[in-house]
Amino acid sequence: MENEVDQDVSTYCFEGSQVVVLRGEWDVSNRDRLREKLLSLGTESDVLVDLREARFFDSTALAELIWLYKRVADRGFRLEALVGGSNMRRLLELTNLDALFGVSAQRAKYLEQRLP
């Protein structure tokens, strides 16, 4: 398993999908860094965004997730967001983004049992 890790982002492959783990706070101050990390995703496989350790997303960070969703969908792949018990669940619900790229309860349970 190839792994690229830095302070707030890590990426790896899991069951044929690319996984990006976002930790901490994401806002306008680090939007460019987020876009840079997301640029390499979704060109060859499905993408899973693991937000279980994300504490905050502002509208610019949400816009980056929507951009990634469109990019992935345009290539015929799927984007999913795993939120676990984090406050990101409520944010995605309030913005109706959970319907766009949320995961079902059964799929979330499966992923939480198997992801690092």
N, C-alpha and C. Protein backbone atom coordinates (compact mmCIF):
# COMPACT_ATOMS: atom_id res chain seq x y z
N MET A 1 0.84 -1.17 0.00
CA MET A 1 0.00 0.00 0.00
C MET A 1 0.89 1.23 0.00
N GLU A 2 0.76 2.06 -1.05
CA GLU A 2 1.51 3.30 -1.10
C GLU A 2 0.86 4.32 -0.18
N ASN A 3 1.67 5.12 0.43
CA ASN A 3 1.13 6.05 1.41
C ASN A 3 1.85 7.38 1.32
N GLU A 4 1.09 8.47 1.28
CA GLU A 4 1.66 9.81 1.29
C GLU A 4 1.03 10.52 2.48
N VAL A 5 1.86 10.95 3.42
CA VAL A 5 1.33 11.52 4.66
C VAL A 5 1.93 12.90 4.90
N ASP A 6 1.11 13.81 5.34
CA ASP A 6 1.61 15.06 5.90
C ASP A 6 0.71 15.43 7.07
N GLN A 7 0.84 16.62 7.56
CA GLN A 7 0.17 16.99 8.81
C GLN A 7 -1.34 16.82 8.77
N ASP A 8 -2.00 17.22 7.71
CA ASP A 8 -3.46 17.24 7.68
C ASP A 8 -4.09 16.29 6.67
N VAL A 9 -3.31 15.71 5.81
CA VAL A 9 -3.84 14.91 4.71
C VAL A 9 -3.01 13.64 4.55
N SER A 10 -3.69 12.54 4.33
CA SER A 10 -2.99 11.33 3.91
C SER A 10 -3.82 10.67 2.82
N THR A 11 -3.13 10.01 1.91
CA THR A 11 -3.81 9.31 0.82
C THR A 11 -3.27 7.89 0.74
N TYR A 12 -4.15 6.98 0.37
CA TYR A 12 -3.75 5.59 0.16
C TYR A 12 -4.82 4.88 -0.65
N CYS A 13 -4.53 3.67 -1.07
CA CYS A 13 -5.49 2.87 -1.82
C CYS A 13 -6.14 1.86 -0.89
N PHE A 14 -7.44 1.61 -1.12
CA PHE A 14 -8.19 0.65 -0.34
C PHE A 14 -9.22 0.01 -1.25
N GLU A 15 -9.11 -1.29 -1.44
CA GLU A 15 -10.05 -2.06 -2.25
C GLU A 15 -10.31 -1.41 -3.60
N GLY A 16 -9.26 -0.93 -4.24
CA GLY A 16 -9.38 -0.35 -5.58
C GLY A 16 -9.80 1.09 -5.63
N SER A 17 -10.07 1.70 -4.49
CA SER A 17 -10.44 3.12 -4.44
C SER A 17 -9.30 3.94 -3.85
N GLN A 18 -9.27 5.20 -4.22
CA GLN A 18 -8.33 6.13 -3.60
C GLN A 18 -9.01 6.71 -2.37
N VAL A 19 -8.28 6.73 -1.27
CA VAL A 19 -8.81 7.28 -0.02
C VAL A 19 -7.99 8.51 0.32
N VAL A 20 -8.68 9.58 0.68
CA VAL A 20 -8.01 10.77 1.19
C VAL A 20 -8.58 11.05 2.57
N VAL A 21 -7.69 11.13 3.56
CA VAL A 21 -8.08 11.40 4.94
C VAL A 21 -7.76 12.86 5.22
N LEU A 22 -8.79 13.61 5.62
CA LEU A 22 -8.61 15.02 5.95
C LEU A 22 -8.79 15.19 7.44
N ARG A 23 -7.77 15.72 8.09
CA ARG A 23 -7.79 15.94 9.54
C ARG A 23 -7.72 17.44 9.82
N GLY A 24 -8.31 17.83 10.93
CA GLY A 24 -8.17 19.21 11.36
C GLY A 24 -9.17 20.15 10.72
N GLU A 25 -8.73 21.40 10.54
CA GLU A 25 -9.60 22.46 10.05
C GLU A 25 -9.22 22.84 8.63
N TRP A 26 -10.25 23.01 7.80
CA TRP A 26 -10.06 23.37 6.39
C TRP A 26 -10.87 24.62 6.10
N ASP A 27 -10.17 25.66 5.65
CA ASP A 27 -10.83 26.92 5.36
C ASP A 27 -10.08 27.64 4.26
N VAL A 28 -10.41 28.89 4.05
CA VAL A 28 -9.82 29.66 2.96
C VAL A 28 -8.29 29.75 3.08
N SER A 29 -7.76 29.68 4.28
CA SER A 29 -6.31 29.81 4.46
C SER A 29 -5.53 28.62 3.90
N ASN A 30 -6.16 27.47 3.79
CA ASN A 30 -5.44 26.31 3.24
C ASN A 30 -6.19 25.67 2.07
N ARG A 31 -7.04 26.46 1.43
CA ARG A 31 -7.81 25.97 0.28
C ARG A 31 -6.90 25.52 -0.86
N ASP A 32 -5.87 26.29 -1.16
CA ASP A 32 -4.96 25.93 -2.25
C ASP A 32 -4.27 24.60 -1.97
N ARG A 33 -3.90 24.38 -0.74
CA ARG A 33 -3.26 23.13 -0.36
C ARG A 33 -4.23 21.96 -0.52
N LEU A 34 -5.48 22.17 -0.14
CA LEU A 34 -6.50 21.14 -0.31
C LEU A 34 -6.69 20.83 -1.78
N ARG A 35 -6.82 21.84 -2.62
CA ARG A 35 -7.00 21.62 -4.07
C ARG A 35 -5.81 20.85 -4.63
N GLU A 36 -4.62 21.21 -4.20
CA GLU A 36 -3.42 20.53 -4.67
C GLU A 36 -3.47 19.04 -4.36
N LYS A 37 -3.93 18.69 -3.16
CA LYS A 37 -4.03 17.28 -2.77
C LYS A 37 -5.13 16.57 -3.54
N LEU A 38 -6.23 17.26 -3.81
CA LEU A 38 -7.36 16.63 -4.48
C LEU A 38 -7.14 16.46 -5.98
N LEU A 39 -6.22 17.23 -6.56
CA LEU A 39 -5.97 17.17 -8.00
C LEU A 39 -5.56 15.78 -8.48
N SER A 40 -4.90 15.02 -7.64
CA SER A 40 -4.42 13.70 -8.07
C SER A 40 -5.47 12.61 -7.92
N LEU A 41 -6.65 12.95 -7.41
CA LEU A 41 -7.66 11.95 -7.12
C LEU A 41 -8.76 11.91 -8.17
N GLY A 42 -9.34 10.73 -8.33
CA GLY A 42 -10.53 10.59 -9.14
C GLY A 42 -10.33 10.46 -10.62
N THR A 43 -9.10 10.31 -11.06
CA THR A 43 -8.87 10.17 -12.50
C THR A 43 -8.88 8.72 -12.95
N GLU A 44 -8.70 7.79 -12.02
CA GLU A 44 -8.61 6.39 -12.40
C GLU A 44 -9.44 5.45 -11.55
N SER A 45 -10.10 5.96 -10.51
CA SER A 45 -10.88 5.09 -9.63
C SER A 45 -11.85 5.90 -8.79
N ASP A 46 -12.69 5.18 -8.06
CA ASP A 46 -13.57 5.81 -7.08
C ASP A 46 -12.73 6.47 -6.00
N VAL A 47 -13.34 7.43 -5.30
CA VAL A 47 -12.65 8.17 -4.24
C VAL A 47 -13.50 8.12 -2.97
N LEU A 48 -12.83 7.86 -1.86
CA LEU A 48 -13.45 7.92 -0.55
C LEU A 48 -12.77 9.03 0.24
N VAL A 49 -13.54 10.02 0.68
CA VAL A 49 -13.02 11.10 1.50
C VAL A 49 -13.36 10.77 2.95
N ASP A 50 -12.33 10.53 3.74
CA ASP A 50 -12.51 10.18 5.15
C ASP A 50 -12.44 11.45 5.97
N LEU A 51 -13.59 11.86 6.50
CA LEU A 51 -13.70 13.10 7.26
C LEU A 51 -13.87 12.85 8.75
N ARG A 52 -13.59 11.64 9.20
CA ARG A 52 -13.82 11.31 10.60
C ARG A 52 -12.97 12.15 11.55
N GLU A 53 -11.82 12.63 11.08
CA GLU A 53 -10.95 13.44 11.94
C GLU A 53 -10.93 14.91 11.56
N ALA A 54 -11.81 15.30 10.65
CA ALA A 54 -11.93 16.71 10.28
C ALA A 54 -12.77 17.41 11.33
N ARG A 55 -12.30 18.57 11.77
CA ARG A 55 -13.03 19.31 12.81
C ARG A 55 -13.84 20.47 12.25
N PHE A 56 -13.40 21.04 11.13
CA PHE A 56 -14.07 22.22 10.61
C PHE A 56 -13.86 22.32 9.11
N PHE A 57 -14.92 22.67 8.39
CA PHE A 57 -14.87 22.97 6.96
C PHE A 57 -15.63 24.26 6.76
N ASP A 58 -15.03 25.23 6.08
CA ASP A 58 -15.81 26.41 5.71
C ASP A 58 -16.34 26.22 4.29
N SER A 59 -17.00 27.23 3.76
CA SER A 59 -17.63 27.10 2.45
C SER A 59 -16.62 26.86 1.34
N THR A 60 -15.40 27.40 1.47
CA THR A 60 -14.40 27.18 0.42
C THR A 60 -13.94 25.72 0.41
N ALA A 61 -13.82 25.10 1.57
CA ALA A 61 -13.44 23.69 1.62
C ALA A 61 -14.57 22.81 1.08
N LEU A 62 -15.81 23.16 1.42
CA LEU A 62 -16.95 22.42 0.87
C LEU A 62 -16.99 22.54 -0.65
N ALA A 63 -16.67 23.73 -1.16
CA ALA A 63 -16.62 23.93 -2.60
C ALA A 63 -15.59 23.01 -3.25
N GLU A 64 -14.47 22.78 -2.57
CA GLU A 64 -13.45 21.87 -3.10
C GLU A 64 -13.98 20.44 -3.16
N LEU A 65 -14.75 20.02 -2.17
CA LEU A 65 -15.34 18.68 -2.20
C LEU A 65 -16.35 18.56 -3.34
N ILE A 66 -17.12 19.61 -3.56
CA ILE A 66 -18.09 19.59 -4.67
C ILE A 66 -17.35 19.54 -6.00
N TRP A 67 -16.27 20.31 -6.12
CA TRP A 67 -15.44 20.27 -7.33
C TRP A 67 -14.92 18.85 -7.56
N LEU A 68 -14.44 18.22 -6.49
CA LEU A 68 -13.93 16.85 -6.62
C LEU A 68 -15.05 15.91 -7.03
N TYR A 69 -16.21 16.05 -6.44
CA TYR A 69 -17.35 15.21 -6.81
C TYR A 69 -17.64 15.31 -8.31
N LYS A 70 -17.70 16.53 -8.82
CA LYS A 70 -17.98 16.73 -10.25
C LYS A 70 -16.90 16.11 -11.11
N ARG A 71 -15.68 16.29 -10.71
CA ARG A 71 -14.54 15.75 -11.47
C ARG A 71 -14.60 14.22 -11.51
N VAL A 72 -14.86 13.61 -10.36
CA VAL A 72 -14.94 12.16 -10.26
C VAL A 72 -16.13 11.64 -11.07
N ALA A 73 -17.28 12.27 -10.90
CA ALA A 73 -18.50 11.84 -11.60
C ALA A 73 -18.35 11.99 -13.11
N ASP A 74 -17.71 13.05 -13.57
CA ASP A 74 -17.50 13.25 -15.01
C ASP A 74 -16.67 12.14 -15.63
N ARG A 75 -15.87 11.49 -14.83
CA ARG A 75 -15.04 10.39 -15.32
C ARG A 75 -15.69 9.02 -15.10
N GLY A 76 -16.92 9.04 -14.59
CA GLY A 76 -17.66 7.79 -14.41
C GLY A 76 -17.35 7.06 -13.11
N PHE A 77 -16.74 7.74 -12.18
CA PHE A 77 -16.42 7.13 -10.89
C PHE A 77 -17.34 7.68 -9.80
N ARG A 78 -17.19 7.15 -8.61
CA ARG A 78 -18.04 7.52 -7.48
C ARG A 78 -17.18 8.18 -6.40
N LEU A 79 -17.78 9.18 -5.74
CA LEU A 79 -17.16 9.83 -4.59
C LEU A 79 -18.03 9.56 -3.39
N GLU A 80 -17.41 9.11 -2.30
CA GLU A 80 -18.12 8.88 -1.05
C GLU A 80 -17.42 9.66 0.05
N ALA A 81 -18.19 10.06 1.05
CA ALA A 81 -17.63 10.73 2.21
C ALA A 81 -17.99 9.93 3.45
N LEU A 82 -16.98 9.57 4.22
CA LEU A 82 -17.17 8.84 5.47
C LEU A 82 -16.98 9.83 6.60
N VAL A 83 -18.00 10.00 7.44
CA VAL A 83 -17.93 11.01 8.48
C VAL A 83 -17.89 10.44 9.89
N GLY A 84 -18.27 9.19 10.08
CA GLY A 84 -18.26 8.61 11.42
C GLY A 84 -19.10 9.42 12.37
N GLY A 85 -18.61 9.62 13.59
CA GLY A 85 -19.32 10.39 14.59
C GLY A 85 -18.89 11.85 14.63
N SER A 86 -18.15 12.30 13.62
CA SER A 86 -17.63 13.67 13.63
C SER A 86 -18.74 14.68 13.38
N ASN A 87 -18.43 15.94 13.63
CA ASN A 87 -19.40 17.00 13.37
C ASN A 87 -19.59 17.26 11.89
N MET A 88 -18.80 16.60 11.05
CA MET A 88 -18.95 16.75 9.61
C MET A 88 -20.26 16.16 9.12
N ARG A 89 -20.79 15.18 9.83
CA ARG A 89 -22.09 14.60 9.45
C ARG A 89 -23.15 15.70 9.42
N ARG A 90 -23.20 16.49 10.47
CA ARG A 90 -24.21 17.56 10.56
C ARG A 90 -24.00 18.59 9.46
N LEU A 91 -22.76 18.94 9.17
CA LEU A 91 -22.48 19.90 8.11
C LEU A 91 -22.97 19.39 6.76
N LEU A 92 -22.69 18.14 6.45
CA LEU A 92 -23.14 17.58 5.17
C LEU A 92 -24.66 17.49 5.12
N GLU A 93 -25.28 17.19 6.24
CA GLU A 93 -26.74 17.15 6.28
C GLU A 93 -27.34 18.53 6.06
N LEU A 94 -26.80 19.55 6.72
CA LEU A 94 -27.32 20.92 6.59
C LEU A 94 -27.19 21.46 5.17
N THR A 95 -26.16 21.04 4.48
CA THR A 95 -25.91 21.52 3.12
C THR A 95 -26.47 20.58 2.06
N ASN A 96 -27.13 19.51 2.49
CA ASN A 96 -27.68 18.47 1.60
C ASN A 96 -26.61 17.74 0.79
N LEU A 97 -25.37 17.87 1.18
CA LEU A 97 -24.30 17.17 0.48
C LEU A 97 -24.25 15.69 0.87
N ASP A 98 -24.86 15.33 1.99
CA ASP A 98 -24.89 13.92 2.37
C ASP A 98 -25.64 13.11 1.31
N ALA A 99 -26.64 13.69 0.68
CA ALA A 99 -27.37 12.99 -0.38
C ALA A 99 -26.51 12.84 -1.63
N LEU A 100 -25.57 13.76 -1.83
CA LEU A 100 -24.72 13.74 -3.01
C LEU A 100 -23.61 12.70 -2.89
N PHE A 101 -22.92 12.69 -1.74
CA PHE A 101 -21.81 11.75 -1.60
C PHE A 101 -21.68 11.14 -0.22
N GLY A 102 -22.76 11.04 0.49
CA GLY A 102 -22.74 10.35 1.76
C GLY A 102 -22.72 8.84 1.55
N VAL A 103 -22.41 8.10 2.59
CA VAL A 103 -22.43 6.64 2.50
C VAL A 103 -23.57 6.12 3.35
N SER A 104 -24.11 4.99 2.95
CA SER A 104 -25.19 4.38 3.72
C SER A 104 -24.64 3.91 5.07
N ALA A 105 -25.53 3.71 6.02
CA ALA A 105 -25.11 3.25 7.34
C ALA A 105 -24.39 1.91 7.26
N GLN A 106 -24.89 1.02 6.42
CA GLN A 106 -24.27 -0.29 6.27
C GLN A 106 -22.87 -0.17 5.67
N ARG A 107 -22.72 0.66 4.64
CA ARG A 107 -21.41 0.86 4.01
C ARG A 107 -20.46 1.54 5.00
N ALA A 108 -20.95 2.51 5.76
CA ALA A 108 -20.11 3.20 6.74
C ALA A 108 -19.58 2.22 7.78
N LYS A 109 -20.44 1.34 8.25
CA LYS A 109 -20.02 0.35 9.23
C LYS A 109 -18.94 -0.55 8.65
N TYR A 110 -19.12 -0.99 7.43
CA TYR A 110 -18.13 -1.82 6.75
C TYR A 110 -16.78 -1.09 6.67
N LEU A 111 -16.81 0.16 6.22
CA LEU A 111 -15.58 0.93 6.06
C LEU A 111 -14.90 1.19 7.40
N GLU A 112 -15.67 1.53 8.41
CA GLU A 112 -15.08 1.84 9.72
C GLU A 112 -14.42 0.61 10.33
N GLN A 113 -14.89 -0.58 10.01
CA GLN A 113 -14.29 -1.79 10.52
C GLN A 113 -13.01 -2.16 9.79
N ARG A 114 -12.84 -1.67 8.57
CA ARG A 114 -11.72 -2.12 7.75
C ARG A 114 -10.65 -1.06 7.45
N LEU A 115 -11.03 0.19 7.52
CA LEU A 115 -10.05 1.25 7.22
C LEU A 115 -9.10 1.42 8.41
N PRO A 116 -7.86 1.82 8.12
CA PRO A 116 -6.92 2.08 9.20
C PRO A 116 -7.34 3.26 10.07
